[in-house]
Amino acid sequence: MSVPVSGRPAPPRPGASLRTRLLRGLLALSLVAFALAVTLAVANTRHNVRAELASSAALALDLVDGLLGPVPALPGDAARRAEWLDQLRELGRHRHLRLDLLAPGDSPRWPAPAEAAAPAWFAALVASEPIQFERERRDADGTPLRLLVRADPADELAEAWTDFSDFLALLAGFALLAGLLVWRLLGAALAPVRVILGGLDALAHGDYDGRLASSGVPELDRIAATVDRLAATLAAGRAENRRLAGHALTVREDERRLLARELHDELGQSLSAIQADATLIAHTATDPRHIESARAIGATTADILGSVRELIRRLHPAVLDVLGLRAALGQLLADWAVRHAPVTTRFDWDPALPERPACGIHAYRIVQEGLTNVARHAEAGHVELRLWREADALRLELADDGRGCDPAAATDGFGLHGIRERAQSFGGHATIESATGQGLRIHVRLPLDG
């Protein structure tokens, strides 16, 4: 069953939760702090590397200038020369130093650099240029020699990267633990907010009976108390509206009953008298014109009398007062089936139900509205009506095999909302089950005693 949907503004897209936003802010702050810490660590590491290289270079300079004399001659003092070369090699084994003794025309023979232990980006940030210097020496025979000393930062970079990576791991682990802890703390702190949101959502769906528990947070407890007062006010307003609606329905049904009686007693009897007089004139008159006029008056009066009787029946089904709910619904369903052939109908009645329950007129109007809805929109081929007793309540089910609809989108034009309101005003409830192409089923529960 197609359902017109009234224009409504599209609901806003849900944004990030407060918990997520707070965590994002903390994450941004942590990233800034992390960047500052890394910047300071890089600057400090670069300073330490340069200081270490400078210290190593100064040490090498002192050793070369102060401890090592000229290169001894060969073969006259071979032992001293060997000792001198051993000292030179020992100095070259220092982790930051590279030494080379060159004759005239020779080029430095620095060993190939070992595979870098630190990433290239780290080396680019903290490395300094190698510090290199040379000293002139002469062999005992007067041959000039060049002693090259080179302070290389590779080893210091490896150590610095080890310390720096440990620092980064510690900082990242701390940030992760802090984020998890803050996430848990925010979840616990915002749990009362979720409870309040749940209460507001319940209010939006018409549940006014729930009450929010205290959270221990004064500000949130005041909000919860306000929500509870709002729920109590809405519940009282809804109860009053239902009472007034029930009273209005009762008054309306009483007025309909009174109007139907007045139409039957006054207008109906008058029309019957006019019809009788017209019939009498038609049988006693001798002028053909008078006879024809009397017959026309009688036919018109009969048509008006039929319309009045239909109006009386629609205002208030007299059969409901005379024969009870079962007979009234049976007649209503039978008359409806005649007007909407070839739709077939079925009526099931529980013998445990009283014939004249206090809710009878409401059950009758609900079925009447449901049948009107089927006739206007369902395009059904079969309709079933069931009534049975459940404890102290009358249960009613009206189902069709028509086009169906989305019950949530149904408007007052279909009468479904009116069915719900009528049931609620009498202390009952009504539910609608349907889906496109699967028909529609109305379930109603009404208290028997009202």
Protein backbone atom coordinates (compact mmCIF):
# COMPACT_ATOMS: atom_id res chain seq x y z
CA MET A 1 0.00 0.00 0.00
CA SER A 2 1.55 3.29 -1.04
CA VAL A 3 1.79 5.80 1.74
CA PRO A 4 2.12 9.58 1.30
CA VAL A 5 4.92 10.86 3.43
CA SER A 6 4.70 14.39 4.76
CA GLY A 7 7.72 16.58 4.12
CA ARG A 8 10.15 16.48 6.98
CA PRO A 9 13.61 17.95 7.27
CA ALA A 10 16.32 15.35 6.90
CA PRO A 11 17.85 14.46 10.26
CA PRO A 12 21.36 15.85 10.71
CA ARG A 13 24.17 13.46 10.09
CA PRO A 14 25.58 12.21 13.37
CA GLY A 15 29.00 13.70 14.09
CA ALA A 16 31.80 12.30 16.16
CA SER A 17 30.97 11.58 19.77
CA LEU A 18 32.23 13.78 22.58
CA ARG A 19 34.48 10.95 23.69
CA THR A 20 36.02 10.73 20.22
CA ARG A 21 36.43 14.49 19.97
CA LEU A 22 38.18 14.69 23.34
CA LEU A 23 40.44 11.83 22.37
CA ARG A 24 41.22 13.54 19.05
CA GLY A 25 42.15 16.71 20.91
CA LEU A 26 44.36 14.74 23.28
CA LEU A 27 45.91 12.95 20.32
CA ALA A 28 46.65 16.25 18.59
CA LEU A 29 48.22 17.60 21.79
CA SER A 30 50.22 14.39 22.17
CA LEU A 31 51.45 14.64 18.59
CA VAL A 32 52.61 18.23 19.20
CA ALA A 33 54.37 17.15 22.40
CA PHE A 34 55.84 14.16 20.56
CA ALA A 35 57.14 16.38 17.76
CA LEU A 36 58.69 18.78 20.29
CA ALA A 37 60.29 15.91 22.19
CA VAL A 38 61.70 14.42 18.97
CA THR A 39 63.01 17.82 17.89
CA LEU A 40 64.74 18.34 21.24
CA ALA A 41 66.10 14.78 21.19
CA VAL A 42 67.48 15.23 17.66
CA ALA A 43 69.13 18.54 18.58
CA ASN A 44 70.62 17.04 21.73
CA THR A 45 71.85 13.97 19.82
CA ARG A 46 73.42 16.12 17.11
CA HIS A 47 75.22 18.17 19.76
CA ASN A 48 76.47 15.03 21.51
CA VAL A 49 77.73 13.49 18.26
CA ARG A 50 79.65 16.62 17.37
CA ALA A 51 81.06 16.91 20.87
CA GLU A 52 82.16 13.28 20.81
CA LEU A 53 83.85 13.72 17.44
CA ALA A 54 85.61 16.85 18.57
CA SER A 55 86.80 15.07 21.72
CA SER A 56 88.10 12.12 19.71
CA ALA A 57 89.89 14.45 17.31
CA ALA A 58 91.49 16.36 20.18
CA LEU A 59 92.62 13.09 21.76
CA ALA A 60 94.16 11.92 18.52
CA LEU A 61 95.92 15.26 18.09
CA ASP A 62 97.40 15.03 21.58
CA LEU A 63 98.59 11.49 20.99
CA VAL A 64 100.16 12.29 17.66
CA ASP A 65 101.82 15.49 18.82
CA GLY A 66 102.82 14.48 22.31
CA LEU A 67 103.34 10.77 22.38
CA LEU A 68 104.66 9.88 18.95
CA GLY A 69 107.98 11.14 17.81
CA PRO A 70 109.51 11.03 14.30
CA VAL A 71 109.46 7.77 12.43
CA PRO A 72 112.60 5.82 13.37
CA ALA A 73 115.06 4.85 10.70
CA LEU A 74 115.44 1.32 9.37
CA PRO A 75 117.19 -1.02 9.89
CA GLY A 76 119.15 0.67 12.59
CA ASP A 77 116.30 0.90 15.12
CA ALA A 78 113.79 -1.68 13.90
CA ALA A 79 112.45 -2.44 17.38
CA ARG A 80 111.56 1.19 18.07
CA ARG A 81 110.02 1.57 14.63
CA ALA A 82 107.82 -1.50 15.18
CA GLU A 83 106.74 -0.15 18.56
CA TRP A 84 105.86 3.20 16.95
CA LEU A 85 103.79 1.55 14.23
CA ASP A 86 101.98 -0.59 16.82
CA GLN A 87 101.05 2.54 18.75
CA LEU A 88 99.81 4.10 15.52
CA ARG A 89 97.70 1.05 14.71
CA GLU A 90 96.31 1.01 18.27
CA LEU A 91 95.29 4.62 17.91
CA GLY A 92 93.62 3.78 14.58
CA ARG A 93 91.52 1.15 16.25
CA HIS A 94 89.72 3.83 18.24
CA ARG A 95 86.05 3.63 17.29
CA HIS A 96 85.86 7.14 15.81
CA LEU A 97 89.36 7.43 14.28
CA ARG A 98 90.84 6.43 10.96
CA LEU A 99 94.62 6.87 10.47
CA ASP A 100 96.78 6.57 7.39
CA LEU A 101 100.52 7.09 6.86
CA LEU A 102 101.24 8.31 3.32
CA ALA A 103 104.44 8.73 1.29
CA PRO A 104 104.68 11.55 -1.20
CA GLY A 105 102.16 11.09 -4.03
CA ASP A 106 100.01 8.55 -2.18
CA SER A 107 96.25 9.01 -1.73
CA PRO A 108 94.40 8.23 1.53
CA ARG A 109 93.28 4.63 1.73
CA TRP A 110 90.24 4.96 3.96
CA PRO A 111 88.40 1.68 4.47
CA ALA A 112 85.01 1.35 2.78
CA PRO A 113 82.29 2.64 5.12
CA ALA A 114 80.42 -0.10 6.91
CA GLU A 115 76.69 -0.52 6.31
CA ALA A 116 74.94 2.20 8.23
CA ALA A 117 73.32 1.01 11.44
CA ALA A 118 71.13 4.13 11.65
CA PRO A 119 68.44 5.10 9.10
CA ALA A 120 69.44 7.61 6.46
CA TRP A 121 66.94 10.21 7.68
CA PHE A 122 68.37 10.03 11.19
CA ALA A 123 71.93 10.30 9.91
CA ALA A 124 70.91 13.30 7.82
CA LEU A 125 69.43 15.00 10.89
CA VAL A 126 72.22 14.46 13.42
CA ALA A 127 75.45 13.68 11.49
CA SER A 128 78.25 16.21 11.14
CA GLU A 129 81.03 16.27 8.60
CA PRO A 130 84.02 14.05 9.44
CA ILE A 131 86.83 15.95 11.17
CA GLN A 132 90.15 15.39 9.38
CA PHE A 133 93.65 16.76 9.96
CA GLU A 134 97.24 15.81 9.05
CA ARG A 135 100.71 16.12 10.45
CA GLU A 136 104.04 16.19 8.58
CA ARG A 137 106.65 13.69 9.62
CA ARG A 138 109.99 12.63 8.16
CA ASP A 139 111.55 9.27 8.11
CA ALA A 140 115.04 8.82 9.54
CA ASP A 141 116.44 9.00 6.07
CA GLY A 142 114.69 12.32 5.52
CA THR A 143 111.79 11.00 3.43
CA PRO A 144 108.69 13.25 4.03
CA LEU A 145 105.57 11.44 5.28
CA ARG A 146 101.95 12.57 5.85
CA LEU A 147 99.99 11.30 8.82
CA LEU A 148 96.19 11.68 8.24
CA VAL A 149 93.79 11.50 11.17
CA ARG A 150 90.04 11.34 10.43
CA ALA A 151 87.28 11.38 13.05
CA ASP A 152 84.31 9.47 11.52
CA PRO A 153 80.79 9.81 13.04
CA ALA A 154 79.51 6.38 11.85
CA ASP A 155 80.07 4.55 15.13
CA GLU A 156 78.70 7.41 17.19
CA LEU A 157 75.62 7.53 14.93
CA ALA A 158 74.98 3.83 15.58
CA GLU A 159 75.08 4.39 19.33
CA ALA A 160 72.99 7.55 19.05
CA TRP A 161 70.38 5.74 16.96
CA THR A 162 70.15 2.95 19.54
CA ASP A 163 69.48 5.47 22.30
CA PHE A 164 67.17 7.53 20.10
CA SER A 165 65.10 4.51 18.95
CA ASP A 166 64.75 3.35 22.56
CA PHE A 167 63.56 6.83 23.44
CA LEU A 168 61.04 6.81 20.58
CA ALA A 169 59.75 3.36 21.59
CA LEU A 170 59.37 4.50 25.19
CA LEU A 171 57.61 7.69 24.11
CA ALA A 172 55.27 5.83 21.71
CA GLY A 173 54.48 3.21 24.34
CA PHE A 174 53.73 5.88 26.88
CA ALA A 175 51.49 7.72 24.39
CA LEU A 176 49.64 4.50 23.56
CA LEU A 177 49.11 3.59 27.21
CA ALA A 178 48.05 7.15 27.99
CA GLY A 179 45.59 7.10 25.07
CA LEU A 180 44.08 3.80 26.19
CA LEU A 181 43.85 5.01 29.77
CA VAL A 182 42.24 8.29 28.71
CA TRP A 183 39.82 6.39 26.43
CA ARG A 184 38.75 4.23 29.36
CA LEU A 185 38.52 7.17 31.72
CA LEU A 186 36.50 9.18 29.21
CA GLY A 187 34.21 6.20 28.68
CA ALA A 188 33.61 5.94 32.42
CA ALA A 189 33.20 9.70 32.80
CA LEU A 190 30.77 9.97 29.87
CA ALA A 191 28.73 6.88 30.78
CA PRO A 192 26.14 9.09 32.60
CA VAL A 193 25.86 11.18 29.43
CA ARG A 194 24.95 8.05 27.47
CA VAL A 195 22.35 7.23 30.11
CA ILE A 196 20.87 10.71 29.76
CA LEU A 197 20.86 10.41 25.96
CA GLY A 198 19.09 7.07 26.31
CA GLY A 199 16.48 8.72 28.51
CA LEU A 200 15.96 11.50 25.98
CA ASP A 201 15.69 8.96 23.18
CA ALA A 202 13.08 7.09 25.21
CA LEU A 203 11.16 10.36 25.62
CA ALA A 204 11.34 10.92 21.87
CA HIS A 205 9.75 7.47 21.36
CA GLY A 206 6.98 8.12 23.89
CA ASP A 207 8.38 6.18 26.87
CA TYR A 208 7.79 8.47 29.83
CA ASP A 209 7.92 5.91 32.63
CA GLY A 210 11.68 5.40 32.95
CA ARG A 211 13.79 7.31 35.46
CA LEU A 212 17.51 8.03 35.26
CA ALA A 213 19.83 6.74 37.97
CA SER A 214 22.20 9.05 39.84
CA SER A 215 25.72 9.22 38.40
CA GLY A 216 27.46 10.95 41.28
CA VAL A 217 28.39 13.92 39.07
CA PRO A 218 26.43 16.95 40.34
CA GLU A 219 26.08 18.67 36.97
CA LEU A 220 24.94 15.52 35.19
CA ASP A 221 22.61 14.61 38.06
CA ARG A 222 20.89 17.98 37.69
CA ILE A 223 20.43 17.31 33.97
CA ALA A 224 19.07 13.83 34.75
CA ALA A 225 16.67 15.29 37.32
CA THR A 226 15.45 17.77 34.71
CA VAL A 227 14.93 14.97 32.21
CA ASP A 228 12.98 13.01 34.84
CA ARG A 229 10.77 16.02 35.57
CA LEU A 230 10.22 16.47 31.85
CA ALA A 231 9.26 12.79 31.53
CA ALA A 232 6.86 13.07 34.46
CA THR A 233 5.29 16.20 32.96
CA LEU A 234 4.94 14.56 29.55
CA ALA A 235 3.49 11.41 31.13
CA ALA A 236 0.93 13.49 33.03
CA GLY A 237 0.14 15.45 29.88
CA ARG A 238 -0.25 12.28 27.84
CA ALA A 239 -2.52 10.75 30.47
CA GLU A 240 -4.60 13.91 30.54
CA ASN A 241 -4.75 14.03 26.76
CA ARG A 242 -5.87 10.42 26.62
CA ARG A 243 -8.47 11.07 29.29
CA LEU A 244 -9.74 14.06 27.36
CA ALA A 245 -9.63 12.11 24.10
CA GLY A 246 -11.58 9.28 25.68
CA HIS A 247 -14.07 11.72 27.09
CA ALA A 248 -14.36 13.42 23.70
CA LEU A 249 -14.96 10.06 22.01
CA THR A 250 -17.58 9.18 24.58
CA VAL A 251 -19.30 12.52 24.14
CA ARG A 252 -19.14 12.20 20.38
CA GLU A 253 -20.62 8.71 20.46
CA ASP A 254 -23.37 9.93 22.79
CA GLU A 255 -24.13 12.81 20.44
CA ARG A 256 -24.16 10.44 17.49
CA ARG A 257 -26.51 8.12 19.33
CA LEU A 258 -28.77 11.04 20.25
CA LEU A 259 -28.70 12.42 16.73
CA ALA A 260 -29.44 8.98 15.26
CA ARG A 261 -32.39 8.64 17.64
CA GLU A 262 -33.69 12.09 16.74
CA LEU A 263 -33.36 11.34 13.03
CA HIS A 264 -35.14 8.04 13.51
CA ASP A 265 -37.89 9.38 15.75
CA GLU A 266 -38.51 12.75 14.12
CA LEU A 267 -37.31 12.82 10.55
CA GLY A 268 -37.82 9.13 9.94
CA GLN A 269 -41.39 9.13 11.21
CA SER A 270 -42.18 12.32 9.27
CA LEU A 271 -40.83 10.84 6.06
CA SER A 272 -42.80 7.65 6.70
CA ALA A 273 -45.95 9.72 7.18
CA ILE A 274 -45.30 11.61 3.94
CA GLN A 275 -44.76 8.33 2.11
CA ALA A 276 -48.02 6.93 3.53
CA ASP A 277 -49.96 10.05 2.52
CA ALA A 278 -48.50 9.93 -0.98
CA THR A 279 -49.47 6.28 -1.29
CA LEU A 280 -53.01 7.08 -0.09
CA ILE A 281 -53.37 9.94 -2.56
CA ALA A 282 -52.11 7.73 -5.38
CA HIS A 283 -54.81 5.15 -4.57
CA THR A 284 -57.70 7.57 -4.05
CA ALA A 285 -57.08 10.32 -6.59
CA THR A 286 -58.93 10.29 -9.91
CA ASP A 287 -56.90 12.85 -11.78
CA PRO A 288 -53.95 11.09 -13.52
CA ARG A 289 -51.73 14.08 -12.83
CA HIS A 290 -52.43 13.87 -9.12
CA ILE A 291 -51.73 10.16 -9.15
CA GLU A 292 -48.40 10.65 -10.96
CA SER A 293 -47.37 13.43 -8.57
CA ALA A 294 -48.28 11.33 -5.54
CA ARG A 295 -46.25 8.41 -6.83
CA ALA A 296 -43.25 10.72 -7.51
CA ILE A 297 -43.50 12.12 -3.98
CA GLY A 298 -43.64 8.57 -2.60
CA ALA A 299 -40.57 7.48 -4.60
CA THR A 300 -38.58 10.55 -3.59
CA THR A 301 -39.59 10.11 0.03
CA ALA A 302 -38.53 6.46 -0.11
CA ASP A 303 -35.11 7.51 -1.43
CA ILE A 304 -34.73 10.13 1.31
CA LEU A 305 -35.88 7.64 3.93
CA GLY A 306 -33.27 5.14 2.72
CA SER A 307 -30.55 7.81 2.92
CA VAL A 308 -31.67 8.77 6.41
CA ARG A 309 -31.61 5.14 7.54
CA GLU A 310 -28.06 4.77 6.13
CA LEU A 311 -27.06 7.98 7.88
CA ILE A 312 -28.58 6.70 11.12
CA ARG A 313 -26.70 3.43 10.76
CA ARG A 314 -23.42 5.28 10.18
CA LEU A 315 -24.02 7.66 13.06
CA HIS A 316 -24.69 4.83 15.46
CA PRO A 317 -25.28 1.16 14.65
CA ALA A 318 -28.59 0.40 16.33
CA VAL A 319 -27.88 -3.31 16.00
CA LEU A 320 -24.99 -2.82 18.44
CA ASP A 321 -27.41 -1.78 21.16
CA VAL A 322 -30.05 -4.32 20.25
CA LEU A 323 -28.13 -7.49 19.30
CA GLY A 324 -24.60 -6.78 20.54
CA LEU A 325 -21.09 -6.45 19.11
CA ARG A 326 -20.96 -9.81 17.32
CA ALA A 327 -24.10 -9.14 15.29
CA ALA A 328 -23.06 -5.52 14.58
CA LEU A 329 -19.64 -6.55 13.27
CA GLY A 330 -21.13 -9.41 11.27
CA GLN A 331 -23.57 -7.05 9.59
CA LEU A 332 -20.83 -4.42 9.04
CA LEU A 333 -18.53 -6.97 7.40
CA ALA A 334 -21.32 -8.47 5.29
CA ASP A 335 -22.52 -5.06 4.04
CA TRP A 336 -18.94 -4.05 3.27
CA ALA A 337 -18.32 -7.28 1.30
CA VAL A 338 -21.43 -6.65 -0.79
CA ARG A 339 -20.25 -3.14 -1.67
CA HIS A 340 -16.69 -4.29 -2.47
CA ALA A 341 -17.20 -7.56 -4.30
CA PRO A 342 -15.38 -9.73 -5.29
CA VAL A 343 -13.36 -9.29 -2.06
CA THR A 344 -13.96 -12.28 0.22
CA THR A 345 -14.26 -12.00 4.00
CA ARG A 346 -13.98 -14.21 7.06
CA PHE A 347 -15.22 -13.48 10.60
CA ASP A 348 -14.12 -15.45 13.71
CA TRP A 349 -15.68 -14.75 17.13
CA ASP A 350 -14.62 -16.16 20.48
CA PRO A 351 -17.69 -17.45 22.41
CA ALA A 352 -15.95 -16.37 25.64
CA LEU A 353 -16.44 -12.73 24.68
CA PRO A 354 -19.47 -10.86 26.12
CA GLU A 355 -21.95 -9.68 23.53
CA ARG A 356 -22.05 -6.13 24.86
CA PRO A 357 -18.61 -5.18 26.24
CA ALA A 358 -18.00 -1.62 27.39
CA CYS A 359 -15.48 -1.22 24.59
CA GLY A 360 -17.95 -2.41 21.95
CA ILE A 361 -18.45 0.89 20.17
CA HIS A 362 -14.68 1.44 20.02
CA ALA A 363 -14.08 -2.02 18.58
CA TYR A 364 -16.83 -1.35 16.04
CA ARG A 365 -15.31 2.01 15.01
CA ILE A 366 -11.82 0.50 14.73
CA VAL A 367 -13.10 -2.25 12.42
CA GLN A 368 -15.08 0.33 10.47
CA GLU A 369 -12.00 2.51 10.00
CA GLY A 370 -9.87 -0.52 9.11
CA LEU A 371 -12.33 -1.63 6.42
CA THR A 372 -12.38 1.90 5.02
CA ASN A 373 -8.62 1.80 4.83
CA VAL A 374 -8.71 -1.54 2.98
CA ALA A 375 -11.30 -0.24 0.52
CA ARG A 376 -9.35 2.92 -0.26
CA HIS A 377 -5.78 1.69 -0.46
CA ALA A 378 -5.20 -2.04 -0.10
CA GLU A 379 -6.47 -3.53 -3.39
CA ALA A 380 -6.98 -6.70 -1.36
CA GLY A 381 -8.70 -9.91 -2.41
CA HIS A 382 -9.40 -11.27 1.08
CA VAL A 383 -10.07 -9.76 4.52
CA GLU A 384 -10.14 -11.58 7.87
CA LEU A 385 -11.55 -10.33 11.16
CA ARG A 386 -10.87 -12.15 14.45
CA LEU A 387 -12.01 -11.26 17.97
CA TRP A 388 -11.12 -13.23 21.08
CA ARG A 389 -10.85 -12.81 24.82
CA GLU A 390 -7.49 -12.58 26.59
CA ALA A 391 -7.91 -12.32 30.37
CA ASP A 392 -9.88 -9.09 30.92
CA ALA A 393 -9.21 -7.71 27.47
CA LEU A 394 -10.76 -7.95 24.02
CA ARG A 395 -8.24 -8.77 21.30
CA LEU A 396 -9.03 -7.77 17.73
CA GLU A 397 -7.15 -8.55 14.54
CA LEU A 398 -8.05 -7.25 11.09
CA ALA A 399 -5.85 -8.49 8.23
CA ASP A 400 -5.85 -8.15 4.45
CA ASP A 401 -3.69 -9.52 1.64
CA GLY A 402 -3.31 -6.21 -0.18
CA ARG A 403 -0.37 -4.06 -1.17
CA GLY A 404 0.82 -3.30 2.34
CA CYS A 405 2.71 -0.21 3.42
CA ASP A 406 5.32 1.12 5.81
CA PRO A 407 3.41 1.61 9.11
CA ALA A 408 5.94 4.20 10.32
CA ALA A 409 5.15 6.37 7.31
CA ALA A 410 1.38 6.12 7.62
CA THR A 411 -0.42 9.42 8.18
CA ASP A 412 -3.82 10.40 9.49
CA GLY A 413 -5.18 10.06 5.96
CA PHE A 414 -5.11 6.30 6.35
CA GLY A 415 -6.88 6.25 9.70
CA LEU A 416 -4.15 4.10 11.23
CA HIS A 417 -3.10 6.90 13.56
CA GLY A 418 -6.74 7.40 14.53
CA ILE A 419 -7.03 3.69 15.34
CA ARG A 420 -4.01 3.96 17.67
CA GLU A 421 -5.39 7.06 19.35
CA ARG A 422 -8.85 5.53 19.86
CA ALA A 423 -7.36 2.39 21.39
CA GLN A 424 -5.09 4.40 23.70
CA SER A 425 -7.90 6.72 24.78
CA PHE A 426 -9.79 3.68 26.03
CA GLY A 427 -6.78 2.30 27.93
CA GLY A 428 -5.69 -0.15 25.23
CA HIS A 429 -3.17 -0.15 22.44
CA ALA A 430 -2.97 -0.89 18.73
CA THR A 431 -0.06 -2.06 16.58
CA ILE A 432 0.27 -2.16 12.81
CA GLU A 433 2.22 -4.86 11.01
CA SER A 434 2.85 -4.47 7.31
CA ALA A 435 5.38 -4.51 4.53
CA THR A 436 5.15 -3.52 0.90
CA GLY A 437 3.43 -6.29 -1.03
CA GLN A 438 2.63 -8.32 2.11
CA GLY A 439 -0.69 -6.90 3.21
CA LEU A 440 -1.51 -5.15 6.47
CA ARG A 441 -2.47 -6.52 9.89
CA ILE A 442 -4.00 -4.44 12.70
CA HIS A 443 -3.70 -5.78 16.26
CA VAL A 444 -5.80 -4.11 18.95
CA ARG A 445 -6.18 -4.76 22.66
CA LEU A 446 -9.03 -3.10 24.56
CA PRO A 447 -10.01 -3.58 28.22
CA LEU A 448 -13.43 -5.19 28.47
CA ASP A 449 -14.54 -3.05 31.39
CA GLY A 450 -13.13 0.22 30.04
